[in-house]
């Protein structure tokens, strides 16, 4: 009887030890899951620093394509009015010149000033707001170098949008691209199909959002950043 009792004691001790180990493992798992709760993964943090859409066709890369928020009484983004289309078009070819022959959209007639802009090899063509130094009444292709701070800002935005390797041609002002006779209201939060036609590289359709503006740029919530810093 004593031998039997002695032989059972180790098993009871082993069982208790196994339960204790399991409890510790469960506690550690809960602690780890609690620590990661609310965190944002690295891939979730990797969002574009711009508000517009992107597209590629042949050797041309379109970056930060968006419809600008109304910045004057001339551009209302309302049905029957006008809106401004902004983007950066990068010619990645090292030898071939291209040309933006036209832009079309169901939103209305699209006017490019100056018309049929050339795209030199390894250069970025920028379309920006009228305040960026382009004159709608001066469609000459021999534009002088931009002199306004707004024009410099437009070039900086183009580089931030992916054209840093191929900077904007320093001898050309930003394009002015207007969508006139709008067939509907242009509303933030929606996208609108716009087709870009290039002489050498072909055609590409882009679903274009409305610019959220500098105050609505996407940022990681402060609370999430604090959670990450705490672990």
C-alpha atoms as a PDB file:
ATOM      1  CA  UNK A   1       0.000   0.000   0.000  1.00  0.00           C
ATOM      2  CA  UNK A   2       2.836   2.340   0.829  1.00  0.00           C
ATOM      3  CA  UNK A   3       4.510   1.561  -2.492  1.00  0.00           C
ATOM      4  CA  UNK A   4       1.263   2.248  -4.324  1.00  0.00           C
ATOM      5  CA  UNK A   5       0.783   5.531  -2.506  1.00  0.00           C
ATOM      6  CA  UNK A   6       4.360   6.588  -3.195  1.00  0.00           C
ATOM      7  CA  UNK A   7       4.020   5.796  -6.901  1.00  0.00           C
ATOM      8  CA  UNK A   8       0.910   8.000  -7.224  1.00  0.00           C
ATOM      9  CA  UNK A   9       2.491  11.045  -5.598  1.00  0.00           C
ATOM     10  CA  UNK A  10       4.943  11.809  -8.436  1.00  0.00           C
ATOM     11  CA  UNK A  11       2.131  11.582 -10.973  1.00  0.00           C
ATOM     12  CA  UNK A  12       0.087  14.089  -9.014  1.00  0.00           C
ATOM     13  CA  UNK A  13       3.115  16.360  -8.784  1.00  0.00           C
ATOM     14  CA  UNK A  14       3.757  16.002 -12.510  1.00  0.00           C
ATOM     15  CA  UNK A  15       0.118  16.803 -13.282  1.00  0.00           C
ATOM     16  CA  UNK A  16       0.244  19.918 -11.145  1.00  0.00           C
ATOM     17  CA  UNK A  17       3.481  21.002 -12.852  1.00  0.00           C
ATOM     18  CA  UNK A  18       1.917  20.504 -16.311  1.00  0.00           C
ATOM     19  CA  UNK A  19      -1.099  22.598 -15.309  1.00  0.00           C
ATOM     20  CA  UNK A  20       1.162  25.359 -14.023  1.00  0.00           C
ATOM     21  CA  UNK A  21       3.187  25.384 -17.286  1.00  0.00           C
ATOM     22  CA  UNK A  22       0.005  25.490 -19.369  1.00  0.00           C
ATOM     23  CA  UNK A  23      -1.341  28.379 -17.289  1.00  0.00           C
ATOM     24  CA  UNK A  24       1.879  30.328 -17.730  1.00  0.00           C
ATOM     25  CA  UNK A  25       1.849  29.723 -21.497  1.00  0.00           C
ATOM     26  CA  UNK A  26      -1.768  30.887 -21.746  1.00  0.00           C
ATOM     27  CA  UNK A  27      -0.964  33.989 -19.728  1.00  0.00           C
ATOM     28  CA  UNK A  28       1.973  34.820 -21.978  1.00  0.00           C
ATOM     29  CA  UNK A  29      -0.198  34.417 -25.083  1.00  0.00           C
ATOM     30  CA  UNK A  30      -2.827  36.752 -23.644  1.00  0.00           C
ATOM     31  CA  UNK A  31      -0.166  39.317 -22.766  1.00  0.00           C
ATOM     32  CA  UNK A  32       1.249  39.235 -26.281  1.00  0.00           C
ATOM     33  CA  UNK A  33      -2.154  39.541 -27.921  1.00  0.00           C
ATOM     34  CA  UNK A  34      -3.055  42.418 -25.614  1.00  0.00           C
ATOM     35  CA  UNK A  35       0.172  44.221 -26.430  1.00  0.00           C
ATOM     36  CA  UNK A  36      -0.488  44.015 -30.173  1.00  0.00           C
ATOM     37  CA  UNK A  37      -4.125  45.061 -29.918  1.00  0.00           C
ATOM     38  CA  UNK A  38      -4.775  48.301 -31.762  1.00  0.00           C
ATOM     39  CA  UNK A  39      -1.406  48.403 -33.483  1.00  0.00           C
ATOM     40  CA  UNK A  40      -1.033  49.220 -37.153  1.00  0.00           C
ATOM     41  CA  UNK A  41       1.228  46.959 -39.172  1.00  0.00           C
ATOM     42  CA  UNK A  42       4.196  48.285 -41.126  1.00  0.00           C
ATOM     43  CA  UNK A  43       2.463  47.672 -44.447  1.00  0.00           C
ATOM     44  CA  UNK A  44      -0.576  49.603 -43.236  1.00  0.00           C
ATOM     45  CA  UNK A  45       1.680  52.572 -42.531  1.00  0.00           C
ATOM     46  CA  UNK A  46       3.027  52.604 -46.065  1.00  0.00           C
ATOM     47  CA  UNK A  47       0.492  54.901 -47.733  1.00  0.00           C
ATOM     48  CA  UNK A  48       1.182  57.427 -50.448  1.00  0.00           C
ATOM     49  CA  UNK A  49       2.088  60.938 -49.378  1.00  0.00           C
ATOM     50  CA  UNK A  50      -0.239  62.335 -52.047  1.00  0.00           C
ATOM     51  CA  UNK A  51      -4.002  62.391 -52.565  1.00  0.00           C
ATOM     52  CA  UNK A  52      -4.168  61.437 -56.251  1.00  0.00           C
ATOM     53  CA  UNK A  53      -4.249  58.215 -58.236  1.00  0.00           C
ATOM     54  CA  UNK A  54      -1.464  56.651 -60.317  1.00  0.00           C
ATOM     55  CA  UNK A  55      -1.245  54.850 -63.658  1.00  0.00           C
ATOM     56  CA  UNK A  56       1.351  53.623 -66.149  1.00  0.00           C
ATOM     57  CA  UNK A  57       1.207  53.312 -69.931  1.00  0.00           C
ATOM     58  CA  UNK A  58       4.277  52.317 -71.889  1.00  0.00           C
ATOM     59  CA  UNK A  59       7.173  54.473 -70.728  1.00  0.00           C
ATOM     60  CA  UNK A  60       4.899  57.135 -69.204  1.00  0.00           C
ATOM     61  CA  UNK A  61       4.066  57.179 -65.490  1.00  0.00           C
ATOM     62  CA  UNK A  62       1.152  59.288 -64.256  1.00  0.00           C
ATOM     63  CA  UNK A  63       1.371  60.274 -60.610  1.00  0.00           C
ATOM     64  CA  UNK A  64      -0.832  62.190 -58.156  1.00  0.00           C
ATOM     65  CA  UNK A  65      -3.712  62.511 -60.633  1.00  0.00           C
ATOM     66  CA  UNK A  66      -6.545  64.384 -58.957  1.00  0.00           C
ATOM     67  CA  UNK A  67      -9.213  67.040 -59.431  1.00  0.00           C
ATOM     68  CA  UNK A  68      -8.421  70.079 -57.335  1.00  0.00           C
ATOM     69  CA  UNK A  69     -10.775  71.555 -54.787  1.00  0.00           C
ATOM     70  CA  UNK A  70     -12.232  74.910 -55.942  1.00  0.00           C
ATOM     71  CA  UNK A  71      -9.672  77.642 -55.308  1.00  0.00           C
ATOM     72  CA  UNK A  72     -11.497  80.603 -56.863  1.00  0.00           C
ATOM     73  CA  UNK A  73     -14.919  81.669 -58.085  1.00  0.00           C
ATOM     74  CA  UNK A  74     -13.886  80.645 -61.604  1.00  0.00           C
ATOM     75  CA  UNK A  75     -13.664  76.973 -60.666  1.00  0.00           C
ATOM     76  CA  UNK A  76     -16.749  75.768 -58.805  1.00  0.00           C
ATOM     77  CA  UNK A  77     -16.638  71.986 -59.457  1.00  0.00           C
ATOM     78  CA  UNK A  78     -20.418  72.320 -59.869  1.00  0.00           C
ATOM     79  CA  UNK A  79     -22.535  71.136 -62.805  1.00  0.00           C
ATOM     80  CA  UNK A  80     -22.133  73.535 -65.713  1.00  0.00           C
ATOM     81  CA  UNK A  81     -18.942  75.016 -64.260  1.00  0.00           C
ATOM     82  CA  UNK A  82     -15.238  74.252 -64.481  1.00  0.00           C
ATOM     83  CA  UNK A  83     -12.738  72.150 -62.566  1.00  0.00           C
ATOM     84  CA  UNK A  84      -8.952  71.829 -62.643  1.00  0.00           C
ATOM     85  CA  UNK A  85      -7.168  68.526 -63.242  1.00  0.00           C
ATOM     86  CA  UNK A  86      -3.684  68.209 -61.740  1.00  0.00           C
ATOM     87  CA  UNK A  87      -1.045  65.500 -62.211  1.00  0.00           C
ATOM     88  CA  UNK A  88       2.573  64.683 -62.963  1.00  0.00           C
ATOM     89  CA  UNK A  89       3.416  62.842 -66.195  1.00  0.00           C
ATOM     90  CA  UNK A  90       6.885  61.280 -66.219  1.00  0.00           C
ATOM     91  CA  UNK A  91       8.569  60.206 -69.456  1.00  0.00           C
ATOM     92  CA  UNK A  92      10.810  57.330 -68.385  1.00  0.00           C
ATOM     93  CA  UNK A  93      12.232  56.815 -71.851  1.00  0.00           C
ATOM     94  CA  UNK A  94      15.884  57.725 -72.148  1.00  0.00           C
ATOM     95  CA  UNK A  95      15.666  58.691 -75.826  1.00  0.00           C
ATOM     96  CA  UNK A  96      12.107  59.142 -77.157  1.00  0.00           C
ATOM     97  CA  UNK A  97      10.081  62.343 -76.929  1.00  0.00           C
ATOM     98  CA  UNK A  98       6.358  61.870 -76.361  1.00  0.00           C
ATOM     99  CA  UNK A  99       3.374  64.199 -76.502  1.00  0.00           C
ATOM    100  CA  UNK A 100       0.176  64.479 -74.491  1.00  0.00           C
ATOM    101  CA  UNK A 101      -2.227  64.783 -77.423  1.00  0.00           C
ATOM    102  CA  UNK A 102      -5.487  64.973 -75.466  1.00  0.00           C
ATOM    103  CA  UNK A 103      -7.390  64.172 -72.293  1.00  0.00           C
ATOM    104  CA  UNK A 104     -11.038  63.112 -72.406  1.00  0.00           C
ATOM    105  CA  UNK A 105     -13.710  62.617 -69.776  1.00  0.00           C
ATOM    106  CA  UNK A 106     -17.461  62.173 -69.460  1.00  0.00           C
ATOM    107  CA  UNK A 107     -17.319  65.073 -66.995  1.00  0.00           C
ATOM    108  CA  UNK A 108     -16.931  67.597 -69.818  1.00  0.00           C
ATOM    109  CA  UNK A 109     -14.562  68.984 -72.431  1.00  0.00           C
ATOM    110  CA  UNK A 110     -10.917  68.981 -71.336  1.00  0.00           C
ATOM    111  CA  UNK A 111      -8.682  71.894 -72.365  1.00  0.00           C
ATOM    112  CA  UNK A 112      -4.890  71.648 -72.019  1.00  0.00           C
ATOM    113  CA  UNK A 113      -2.899  74.898 -71.952  1.00  0.00           C
ATOM    114  CA  UNK A 114      -0.525  74.935 -73.738  1.00  0.00           C
ATOM    115  CA  UNK A 115      -1.968  72.371 -76.140  1.00  0.00           C
ATOM    116  CA  UNK A 116      -0.134  69.170 -77.100  1.00  0.00           C
ATOM    117  CA  UNK A 117       2.679  69.542 -74.567  1.00  0.00           C
ATOM    118  CA  UNK A 118       5.890  67.724 -75.444  1.00  0.00           C
ATOM    119  CA  UNK A 119       7.412  65.308 -72.944  1.00  0.00           C
ATOM    120  CA  UNK A 120      11.198  65.235 -73.221  1.00  0.00           C
ATOM    121  CA  UNK A 121      13.066  62.027 -72.311  1.00  0.00           C
ATOM    122  CA  UNK A 122      13.597  61.587 -68.579  1.00  0.00           C
ATOM    123  CA  UNK A 123      11.521  64.679 -67.771  1.00  0.00           C
ATOM    124  CA  UNK A 124       8.357  65.311 -65.756  1.00  0.00           C
ATOM    125  CA  UNK A 125       5.479  67.427 -67.044  1.00  0.00           C
ATOM    126  CA  UNK A 126       3.378  68.995 -64.288  1.00  0.00           C
ATOM    127  CA  UNK A 127      -0.267  70.091 -64.456  1.00  0.00           C
ATOM    128  CA  UNK A 128      -1.238  72.348 -61.570  1.00  0.00           C
ATOM    129  CA  UNK A 129      -3.619  75.105 -60.502  1.00  0.00           C
ATOM    130  CA  UNK A 130      -3.710  78.481 -62.310  1.00  0.00           C
ATOM    131  CA  UNK A 131      -1.939  79.979 -59.290  1.00  0.00           C
ATOM    132  CA  UNK A 132       1.102  77.865 -60.190  1.00  0.00           C
ATOM    133  CA  UNK A 133       2.186  80.404 -62.797  1.00  0.00           C
ATOM    134  CA  UNK A 134       0.466  79.336 -66.023  1.00  0.00           C
ATOM    135  CA  UNK A 135      -1.691  81.801 -67.943  1.00  0.00           C
ATOM    136  CA  UNK A 136      -4.824  80.365 -69.545  1.00  0.00           C
ATOM    137  CA  UNK A 137      -4.751  83.030 -72.239  1.00  0.00           C
ATOM    138  CA  UNK A 138      -1.175  82.265 -73.303  1.00  0.00           C
ATOM    139  CA  UNK A 139      -1.097  78.881 -75.067  1.00  0.00           C
ATOM    140  CA  UNK A 140       2.394  79.394 -76.514  1.00  0.00           C
ATOM    141  CA  UNK A 141       4.681  76.360 -76.179  1.00  0.00           C
ATOM    142  CA  UNK A 142       7.726  78.591 -75.677  1.00  0.00           C
ATOM    143  CA  UNK A 143       6.882  79.433 -72.078  1.00  0.00           C
ATOM    144  CA  UNK A 144       9.427  81.155 -69.899  1.00  0.00           C
ATOM    145  CA  UNK A 145      10.842  79.552 -66.783  1.00  0.00           C
ATOM    146  CA  UNK A 146       8.456  79.685 -63.803  1.00  0.00           C
ATOM    147  CA  UNK A 147       9.170  82.560 -61.495  1.00  0.00           C
ATOM    148  CA  UNK A 148       6.480  82.258 -58.848  1.00  0.00           C
ATOM    149  CA  UNK A 149       6.725  80.417 -55.568  1.00  0.00           C
ATOM    150  CA  UNK A 150       3.596  78.494 -56.563  1.00  0.00           C
ATOM    151  CA  UNK A 151       5.346  77.164 -59.671  1.00  0.00           C
ATOM    152  CA  UNK A 152       8.234  75.948 -57.542  1.00  0.00           C
ATOM    153  CA  UNK A 153       5.720  74.323 -55.232  1.00  0.00           C
ATOM    154  CA  UNK A 154       4.134  72.516 -58.158  1.00  0.00           C
ATOM    155  CA  UNK A 155       7.528  71.138 -59.168  1.00  0.00           C
ATOM    156  CA  UNK A 156       8.172  70.006 -55.590  1.00  0.00           C
ATOM    157  CA  UNK A 157       4.810  68.213 -55.551  1.00  0.00           C
ATOM    158  CA  UNK A 158       5.716  66.460 -58.799  1.00  0.00           C
ATOM    159  CA  UNK A 159       8.957  65.208 -57.301  1.00  0.00           C
ATOM    160  CA  UNK A 160       7.144  64.038 -54.148  1.00  0.00           C
ATOM    161  CA  UNK A 161       4.643  62.212 -56.356  1.00  0.00           C
ATOM    162  CA  UNK A 162       7.316  60.059 -57.929  1.00  0.00           C
ATOM    163  CA  UNK A 163       9.101  62.318 -60.385  1.00  0.00           C
ATOM    164  CA  UNK A 164      12.192  63.061 -58.316  1.00  0.00           C
ATOM    165  CA  UNK A 165      14.405  60.938 -60.590  1.00  0.00           C
ATOM    166  CA  UNK A 166      13.166  62.837 -63.656  1.00  0.00           C
ATOM    167  CA  UNK A 167      12.636  66.470 -62.611  1.00  0.00           C
ATOM    168  CA  UNK A 168      10.329  68.889 -64.380  1.00  0.00           C
ATOM    169  CA  UNK A 169      11.781  70.727 -67.332  1.00  0.00           C
ATOM    170  CA  UNK A 170      13.110  73.993 -65.837  1.00  0.00           C
ATOM    171  CA  UNK A 171      12.187  75.871 -69.037  1.00  0.00           C
ATOM    172  CA  UNK A 172       8.467  75.097 -68.914  1.00  0.00           C
ATOM    173  CA  UNK A 173       5.657  76.318 -66.710  1.00  0.00           C
ATOM    174  CA  UNK A 174       3.098  73.914 -65.248  1.00  0.00           C
ATOM    175  CA  UNK A 175       0.248  73.005 -67.567  1.00  0.00           C
ATOM    176  CA  UNK A 176      -3.271  74.212 -66.916  1.00  0.00           C
ATOM    177  CA  UNK A 177      -5.804  71.430 -67.550  1.00  0.00           C
ATOM    178  CA  UNK A 178      -9.440  72.538 -67.265  1.00  0.00           C
ATOM    179  CA  UNK A 179     -12.573  70.407 -67.423  1.00  0.00           C
ATOM    180  CA  UNK A 180     -15.260  72.752 -68.738  1.00  0.00           C
ATOM    181  CA  UNK A 181     -19.054  72.474 -68.944  1.00  0.00           C
ATOM    182  CA  UNK A 182     -19.200  69.913 -66.152  1.00  0.00           C
ATOM    183  CA  UNK A 183     -21.975  67.386 -66.719  1.00  0.00           C
ATOM    184  CA  UNK A 184     -22.360  66.803 -62.976  1.00  0.00           C
ATOM    185  CA  UNK A 185     -21.165  68.061 -59.622  1.00  0.00           C
ATOM    186  CA  UNK A 186     -17.639  66.930 -58.769  1.00  0.00           C
ATOM    187  CA  UNK A 187     -17.813  65.646 -55.210  1.00  0.00           C
ATOM    188  CA  UNK A 188     -15.001  64.697 -52.789  1.00  0.00           C
ATOM    189  CA  UNK A 189     -15.037  61.025 -51.887  1.00  0.00           C
ATOM    190  CA  UNK A 190     -15.896  59.873 -55.415  1.00  0.00           C
ATOM    191  CA  UNK A 191     -13.702  59.054 -58.424  1.00  0.00           C
ATOM    192  CA  UNK A 192     -14.251  60.065 -62.040  1.00  0.00           C
ATOM    193  CA  UNK A 193     -12.892  58.283 -65.156  1.00  0.00           C
ATOM    194  CA  UNK A 194     -10.438  60.362 -67.179  1.00  0.00           C
ATOM    195  CA  UNK A 195      -8.564  59.108 -70.257  1.00  0.00           C
ATOM    196  CA  UNK A 196      -5.033  60.277 -71.109  1.00  0.00           C
ATOM    197  CA  UNK A 197      -3.882  59.965 -74.728  1.00  0.00           C
ATOM    198  CA  UNK A 198      -0.156  59.983 -75.517  1.00  0.00           C
ATOM    199  CA  UNK A 199       1.194  60.084 -79.068  1.00  0.00           C
ATOM    200  CA  UNK A 200       3.847  57.395 -78.617  1.00  0.00           C
ATOM    201  CA  UNK A 201       2.840  55.436 -75.511  1.00  0.00           C
ATOM    202  CA  UNK A 202      -0.895  55.084 -76.072  1.00  0.00           C
ATOM    203  CA  UNK A 203      -3.982  55.539 -73.917  1.00  0.00           C
ATOM    204  CA  UNK A 204      -4.715  54.918 -70.259  1.00  0.00           C
ATOM    205  CA  UNK A 205      -7.874  55.335 -68.188  1.00  0.00           C
ATOM    206  CA  UNK A 206      -7.490  56.731 -64.666  1.00  0.00           C
ATOM    207  CA  UNK A 207     -10.178  56.834 -61.981  1.00  0.00           C
ATOM    208  CA  UNK A 208      -9.493  60.284 -60.595  1.00  0.00           C
ATOM    209  CA  UNK A 209     -10.348  61.340 -57.024  1.00  0.00           C
ATOM    210  CA  UNK A 210     -10.956  64.862 -55.769  1.00  0.00           C
ATOM    211  CA  UNK A 211      -7.987  66.325 -53.911  1.00  0.00           C
ATOM    212  CA  UNK A 212      -8.522  66.113 -50.160  1.00  0.00           C
ATOM    213  CA  UNK A 213      -6.407  69.210 -49.611  1.00  0.00           C
ATOM    214  CA  UNK A 214      -3.346  69.614 -47.350  1.00  0.00           C
ATOM    215  CA  UNK A 215      -5.374  69.582 -44.120  1.00  0.00           C
ATOM    216  CA  UNK A 216      -6.924  66.192 -44.890  1.00  0.00           C
ATOM    217  CA  UNK A 217      -3.786  64.282 -45.801  1.00  0.00           C
ATOM    218  CA  UNK A 218      -3.653  60.737 -44.506  1.00  0.00           C
ATOM    219  CA  UNK A 219      -1.794  60.368 -41.213  1.00  0.00           C
ATOM    220  CA  UNK A 220      -1.519  57.588 -38.679  1.00  0.00           C
ATOM    221  CA  UNK A 221      -3.822  58.335 -35.717  1.00  0.00           C
ATOM    222  CA  UNK A 222      -1.984  59.700 -32.689  1.00  0.00           C
ATOM    223  CA  UNK A 223      -3.458  57.019 -30.426  1.00  0.00           C
ATOM    224  CA  UNK A 224      -2.117  54.261 -32.669  1.00  0.00           C
ATOM    225  CA  UNK A 225       1.307  55.867 -32.691  1.00  0.00           C
ATOM    226  CA  UNK A 226       1.291  55.980 -28.884  1.00  0.00           C
ATOM    227  CA  UNK A 227       0.368  52.284 -28.747  1.00  0.00           C
ATOM    228  CA  UNK A 228       3.292  51.442 -30.997  1.00  0.00           C
ATOM    229  CA  UNK A 229       5.684  53.491 -28.924  1.00  0.00           C
ATOM    230  CA  UNK A 230       4.551  51.789 -25.717  1.00  0.00           C
ATOM    231  CA  UNK A 231       5.536  48.322 -26.899  1.00  0.00           C
END
